[in-house]
Amino acid sequence: MNIIENKEFEGERPLFYMKDLSLHKIRVLNGESAIKECSNVFCQDSSFNGKYPFWHANHAKIEKCTFETGARAAVWYSKDLSMQNSLINAPKMFRRCNGLQLENLEFSDALETLWDCTDIKASGIKAVHGDYIFMNSSDIEVENFELHGNYSFQNCSNVSIKNSILETKDAFWEARNVTVENCTITGEFLGWHSENLTLVNCKIKGTQPLCYAKNLRIINCTFDEDCDLAFEYSSLTADIKGHVTSIKNPLSGRIKVGSVGEIISDANAKAPHNCVIEIANE
């Protein structure tokens, strides 16, 4: 094992292609690709401010580290990488990675983070400015996630999200095989063009939710008063607690709801237009 402690690095590729690295209290300053093409890396209590430090870095474990704004696009093209208890101030973190274990991370600028990644397990994550987070990624398990950022989980597949707070408009667009449990989701245009989206015990807020959805399932969820014009052109099975402000032209399926302010069925409805709406309080 190559043990490196209390060192500073800068410039191009200072640790390029090294194997079996144990890094403690290092600082990566200006430059690029400090730990590129490395494998079997353990890095702890270190800070990064140079670009692209962990590209093609396989079998790496990163703990108690800080990625400053200069360390943009820090982890790309890597496999079997874990990161715990770290602060990330740089955008575009994680791209085209496989096998990520993420725990207790705080992202202060999560723009374009976790794109085109597979096999992700994440818990205890807080992400701010997280526009387009998780785009085009698959096989994702997320728990205790606090997200502030729009267009999340676009074109994702095989996703499980539990016990989370998602403040995000246009979430789950064109997403497939997604289950969201015990979450609060705030943001307009939720789940448009999704397929096999399941919401269980969720609180939903925002106008025009869940339109153009295919095989949508809603189990024991509540809808805020701003959730108007819901389910337009969607096929669904829904069991909704309480009141929905308005439902507009669902395609097919069944909706059971406590009460509805307005059911809109107009000349713009599309076939088969045979959704059964059952109002429990009537």
Protein backbone atom coordinates (compact mmCIF):
# COMPACT_ATOMS: atom_id res chain seq x y z
CA MET A 1 0.00 0.00 0.00
CA ASN A 2 1.32 3.44 -0.98
CA ILE A 3 0.63 5.73 2.00
CA ILE A 4 0.65 9.49 1.35
CA GLU A 5 -0.10 11.93 4.16
CA ASN A 6 -0.07 15.70 4.62
CA LYS A 7 0.96 16.47 1.05
CA GLU A 8 -0.15 19.10 -1.46
CA PHE A 9 -0.49 18.42 -5.18
CA GLU A 10 -1.09 20.62 -8.20
CA GLY A 11 -0.59 20.61 -11.93
CA GLU A 12 -1.44 17.78 -14.33
CA ARG A 13 -1.92 14.17 -13.19
CA PRO A 14 0.33 14.15 -10.10
CA LEU A 15 -0.80 10.65 -9.01
CA PHE A 16 -1.71 9.27 -12.43
CA TYR A 17 -2.15 5.48 -12.77
CA MET A 18 -1.09 4.64 -9.23
CA LYS A 19 -2.48 1.54 -7.51
CA ASP A 20 -3.20 0.70 -3.88
CA LEU A 21 -3.20 4.26 -2.59
CA SER A 22 -3.94 5.37 0.98
CA LEU A 23 -4.35 9.15 1.05
CA HIS A 24 -4.71 11.08 4.32
CA LYS A 25 -4.96 14.83 4.76
CA ILE A 26 -3.83 15.66 1.25
CA ARG A 27 -4.72 18.86 -0.61
CA VAL A 28 -5.22 18.95 -4.36
CA LEU A 29 -4.82 22.51 -5.59
CA ASN A 30 -5.05 23.97 -9.10
CA GLY A 31 -4.61 21.53 -11.94
CA GLU A 32 -6.38 18.56 -13.48
CA SER A 33 -6.87 14.81 -13.09
CA ALA A 34 -4.92 14.33 -9.86
CA ILE A 35 -5.98 10.71 -9.23
CA LYS A 36 -6.93 9.70 -12.76
CA GLU A 37 -6.74 6.01 -13.79
CA CYS A 38 -6.02 4.91 -10.22
CA SER A 39 -7.46 1.85 -8.48
CA ASN A 40 -7.83 0.55 -4.94
CA VAL A 41 -7.80 4.03 -3.43
CA PHE A 42 -8.68 5.08 0.12
CA CYS A 43 -8.89 8.83 0.66
CA GLN A 44 -9.74 10.45 3.99
CA ASP A 45 -9.79 13.95 5.53
CA SER A 46 -8.64 15.58 2.31
CA SER A 47 -9.65 18.56 0.17
CA PHE A 48 -9.83 19.07 -3.58
CA ASN A 49 -9.87 22.25 -5.66
CA GLY A 50 -8.43 20.99 -8.95
CA LYS A 51 -10.64 19.77 -11.78
CA TYR A 52 -11.50 16.13 -12.55
CA PRO A 53 -9.64 14.47 -9.63
CA PHE A 54 -11.27 11.00 -9.75
CA TRP A 55 -11.71 10.06 -13.42
CA HIS A 56 -11.50 6.35 -14.27
CA ALA A 57 -10.87 5.68 -10.58
CA ASN A 58 -12.04 2.18 -9.69
CA HIS A 59 -12.52 0.56 -6.29
CA ALA A 60 -12.21 3.82 -4.37
CA LYS A 61 -13.43 4.81 -0.92
CA ILE A 62 -13.65 8.51 -0.04
CA GLU A 63 -14.42 9.66 3.52
CA LYS A 64 -14.63 13.04 5.23
CA CYS A 65 -13.46 15.00 2.22
CA THR A 66 -14.32 18.41 0.78
CA PHE A 67 -14.66 19.16 -2.93
CA GLU A 68 -14.41 22.90 -3.45
CA THR A 69 -15.87 24.78 -6.41
CA GLY A 70 -12.75 24.25 -8.50
CA ALA A 71 -13.13 20.47 -8.27
CA ARG A 72 -15.94 20.40 -10.82
CA ALA A 73 -16.78 17.13 -12.58
CA ALA A 74 -14.83 15.34 -9.87
CA VAL A 75 -15.91 11.70 -10.29
CA TRP A 76 -16.54 10.46 -13.83
CA TYR A 77 -16.17 7.08 -15.56
CA SER A 78 -15.51 5.28 -12.27
CA LYS A 79 -16.65 1.88 -10.93
CA ASP A 80 -17.21 0.58 -7.41
CA LEU A 81 -16.77 3.88 -5.60
CA SER A 82 -18.11 4.89 -2.19
CA MET A 83 -18.25 8.32 -0.61
CA GLN A 84 -19.31 9.12 2.96
CA ASN A 85 -19.54 12.13 5.25
CA SER A 86 -18.29 14.63 2.70
CA LEU A 87 -19.08 18.18 1.52
CA ILE A 88 -19.36 18.87 -2.20
CA ASN A 89 -19.38 22.48 -3.37
CA ALA A 90 -18.61 21.69 -7.01
CA PRO A 91 -21.18 20.98 -9.77
CA LYS A 92 -21.36 18.04 -12.18
CA MET A 93 -20.38 15.43 -9.61
CA PHE A 94 -20.62 11.78 -10.74
CA ARG A 95 -21.05 11.05 -14.45
CA ARG A 96 -21.10 7.67 -16.22
CA CYS A 97 -20.26 5.76 -13.04
CA ASN A 98 -21.29 2.23 -12.05
CA GLY A 99 -21.63 0.96 -8.50
CA LEU A 100 -21.91 4.05 -6.28
CA GLN A 101 -22.43 3.91 -2.50
CA LEU A 102 -23.22 7.41 -1.20
CA GLU A 103 -23.94 8.24 2.44
CA ASN A 104 -24.25 11.45 4.45
CA LEU A 105 -23.26 13.87 1.71
CA GLU A 106 -24.11 17.55 1.36
CA PHE A 107 -24.13 19.15 -2.09
CA SER A 108 -24.21 22.95 -2.10
CA ASP A 109 -24.30 23.08 -5.92
CA ALA A 110 -25.67 19.81 -7.29
CA LEU A 111 -26.24 21.05 -10.84
CA GLU A 112 -26.01 18.22 -13.42
CA THR A 113 -25.01 15.66 -10.81
CA LEU A 114 -25.35 11.87 -11.11
CA TRP A 115 -25.91 11.72 -14.87
CA ASP A 116 -25.78 8.45 -16.81
CA CYS A 117 -24.90 6.38 -13.75
CA THR A 118 -26.05 2.86 -12.83
CA ASP A 119 -26.33 0.86 -9.62
CA ILE A 120 -26.59 3.68 -7.08
CA LYS A 121 -27.38 3.39 -3.38
CA ALA A 122 -27.72 6.72 -1.58
CA SER A 123 -28.86 7.70 1.91
CA GLY A 124 -28.68 10.81 4.02
CA ILE A 125 -28.14 13.14 1.06
CA LYS A 126 -28.93 16.86 0.93
CA ALA A 127 -28.69 18.52 -2.49
CA VAL A 128 -29.20 22.23 -3.22
CA HIS A 129 -29.35 23.73 -6.74
CA GLY A 130 -29.83 20.14 -7.94
CA ASP A 131 -31.27 20.83 -11.40
CA TYR A 132 -31.33 17.68 -13.58
CA ILE A 133 -29.97 15.47 -10.80
CA PHE A 134 -29.96 11.72 -11.64
CA MET A 135 -30.78 12.33 -15.31
CA ASN A 136 -30.56 9.20 -17.51
CA SER A 137 -29.50 7.02 -14.56
CA SER A 138 -30.83 3.59 -13.58
CA ASP A 139 -31.03 1.04 -10.79
CA ILE A 140 -31.24 3.61 -8.02
CA GLU A 141 -32.10 3.21 -4.32
CA VAL A 142 -32.48 6.46 -2.37
CA GLU A 143 -33.53 7.05 1.24
CA ASN A 144 -33.60 10.17 3.42
CA PHE A 145 -32.94 12.48 0.49
CA GLU A 146 -33.57 16.23 0.72
CA LEU A 147 -33.61 17.75 -2.76
CA HIS A 148 -33.95 21.36 -3.85
CA GLY A 149 -33.66 21.48 -7.63
CA ASN A 150 -35.81 21.06 -10.71
CA TYR A 151 -36.07 18.47 -13.51
CA SER A 152 -34.96 15.62 -11.25
CA PHE A 153 -34.88 11.96 -12.24
CA GLN A 154 -35.60 12.66 -15.90
CA ASN A 155 -35.50 9.57 -18.11
CA CYS A 156 -34.50 7.35 -15.16
CA SER A 157 -35.44 3.71 -14.75
CA ASN A 158 -35.70 1.20 -11.92
CA VAL A 159 -35.80 3.70 -9.06
CA SER A 160 -36.83 3.38 -5.40
CA ILE A 161 -37.13 6.51 -3.23
CA LYS A 162 -38.18 6.39 0.44
CA ASN A 163 -38.66 8.82 3.31
CA SER A 164 -37.53 11.88 1.37
CA ILE A 165 -38.41 15.51 0.72
CA LEU A 166 -38.29 16.46 -2.95
CA GLU A 167 -38.73 20.12 -3.86
CA THR A 168 -38.55 19.80 -7.62
CA LYS A 169 -40.70 20.76 -10.59
CA ASP A 170 -40.88 18.54 -13.68
CA ALA A 171 -39.73 15.52 -11.65
CA PHE A 172 -39.77 12.01 -13.16
CA TRP A 173 -40.40 13.10 -16.75
CA GLU A 174 -40.18 10.05 -19.02
CA ALA A 175 -39.07 7.98 -16.01
CA ARG A 176 -39.84 4.25 -15.98
CA ASN A 177 -40.39 1.76 -13.18
CA VAL A 178 -40.20 4.20 -10.29
CA THR A 179 -41.60 3.71 -6.76
CA VAL A 180 -41.78 6.62 -4.32
CA GLU A 181 -42.81 5.88 -0.72
CA ASN A 182 -43.46 8.10 2.29
CA CYS A 183 -42.26 11.26 0.57
CA THR A 184 -43.31 14.87 0.15
CA ILE A 185 -43.06 16.01 -3.48
CA THR A 186 -43.44 19.72 -4.18
CA GLY A 187 -43.38 21.03 -7.75
CA GLU A 188 -45.54 21.48 -10.80
CA PHE A 189 -45.85 19.04 -13.72
CA LEU A 190 -44.91 15.95 -11.71
CA GLY A 191 -44.39 12.70 -13.56
CA TRP A 192 -45.42 13.69 -17.08
CA HIS A 193 -44.83 11.02 -19.73
CA SER A 194 -43.75 8.52 -17.07
CA GLU A 195 -44.40 4.78 -17.25
CA ASN A 196 -44.99 2.49 -14.27
CA LEU A 197 -44.68 5.28 -11.69
CA THR A 198 -45.99 4.25 -8.25
CA LEU A 199 -46.58 6.72 -5.41
CA VAL A 200 -47.27 5.28 -1.94
CA ASN A 201 -48.15 7.32 1.17
CA CYS A 202 -46.92 10.53 -0.44
CA LYS A 203 -47.96 14.16 -0.07
CA ILE A 204 -48.10 15.84 -3.47
CA LYS A 205 -48.05 19.58 -4.17
CA GLY A 206 -48.07 21.54 -7.44
CA THR A 207 -50.26 22.27 -10.43
CA GLN A 208 -51.06 19.79 -13.21
CA PRO A 209 -49.56 16.67 -11.66
CA LEU A 210 -49.23 13.28 -13.32
CA CYS A 211 -50.38 13.93 -16.87
CA TYR A 212 -49.58 11.77 -19.92
CA ALA A 213 -48.58 8.98 -17.51
CA LYS A 214 -48.88 5.33 -18.47
CA ASN A 215 -49.77 2.70 -15.86
CA LEU A 216 -49.64 5.19 -13.00
CA ARG A 217 -50.42 3.84 -9.52
CA ILE A 218 -51.31 6.02 -6.53
CA ILE A 219 -51.76 4.37 -3.13
CA ASN A 220 -52.94 6.27 -0.06
CA CYS A 221 -51.61 9.67 -1.16
CA THR A 222 -52.81 13.20 -0.45
CA PHE A 223 -52.98 16.11 -2.90
CA ASP A 224 -52.52 19.75 -1.91
CA GLU A 225 -55.10 22.34 -2.96
CA ASP A 226 -52.84 23.60 -5.77
CA CYS A 227 -52.93 20.17 -7.47
CA ASP A 228 -55.41 21.15 -10.15
CA LEU A 229 -55.97 19.68 -13.64
CA ALA A 230 -54.58 16.32 -12.53
CA PHE A 231 -54.17 13.16 -14.65
CA GLU A 232 -54.82 14.60 -18.10
CA TYR A 233 -54.39 11.82 -20.70
CA SER A 234 -53.10 9.34 -18.07
CA SER A 235 -53.97 5.69 -17.52
CA LEU A 236 -54.01 4.99 -13.80
CA THR A 237 -55.25 3.27 -10.70
CA ALA A 238 -55.51 5.67 -7.78
CA ASP A 239 -56.63 5.61 -4.15
CA ILE A 240 -56.40 9.19 -2.94
CA LYS A 241 -57.04 10.39 0.61
CA GLY A 242 -59.03 13.59 0.95
CA HIS A 243 -59.72 16.21 -1.69
CA VAL A 244 -58.45 16.87 -5.21
CA THR A 245 -59.07 20.33 -6.67
CA SER A 246 -59.73 19.15 -10.23
CA ILE A 247 -59.31 16.08 -12.45
CA LYS A 248 -59.12 16.56 -16.20
CA ASN A 249 -59.69 14.05 -19.01
CA PRO A 250 -57.94 10.93 -17.71
CA LEU A 251 -57.66 8.23 -20.37
CA SER A 252 -58.53 5.05 -18.50
CA GLY A 253 -58.43 3.18 -15.21
CA ARG A 254 -60.00 3.92 -11.85
CA ILE A 255 -59.72 6.80 -9.39
CA LYS A 256 -61.05 6.56 -5.85
CA VAL A 257 -60.95 9.89 -4.06
CA GLY A 258 -62.51 11.45 -0.96
CA SER A 259 -63.86 14.47 -2.83
CA VAL A 260 -63.25 16.46 -6.02
CA GLY A 261 -63.76 20.14 -6.66
CA GLU A 262 -64.26 19.66 -10.41
CA ILE A 263 -64.19 16.79 -12.90
CA ILE A 264 -63.42 18.16 -16.36
CA SER A 265 -64.57 16.08 -19.31
CA ASP A 266 -64.56 18.20 -22.42
CA ALA A 267 -64.22 18.03 -26.20
CA ASN A 268 -60.47 17.52 -25.89
CA ALA A 269 -60.79 14.14 -24.18
CA LYS A 270 -59.00 11.23 -25.90
CA ALA A 271 -60.10 7.63 -26.31
CA PRO A 272 -60.76 5.38 -24.59
CA HIS A 273 -61.89 8.04 -22.08
CA ASN A 274 -63.39 5.41 -19.79
CA CYS A 275 -61.73 6.14 -16.45
CA VAL A 276 -64.08 5.41 -13.53
CA ILE A 277 -64.02 8.08 -10.84
CA GLU A 278 -65.42 6.98 -7.49
CA ILE A 279 -66.02 9.72 -4.92
CA ALA A 280 -66.01 8.14 -1.48
CA ASN A 281 -67.97 10.88 0.27
CA GLU A 282 -70.93 10.82 -2.11
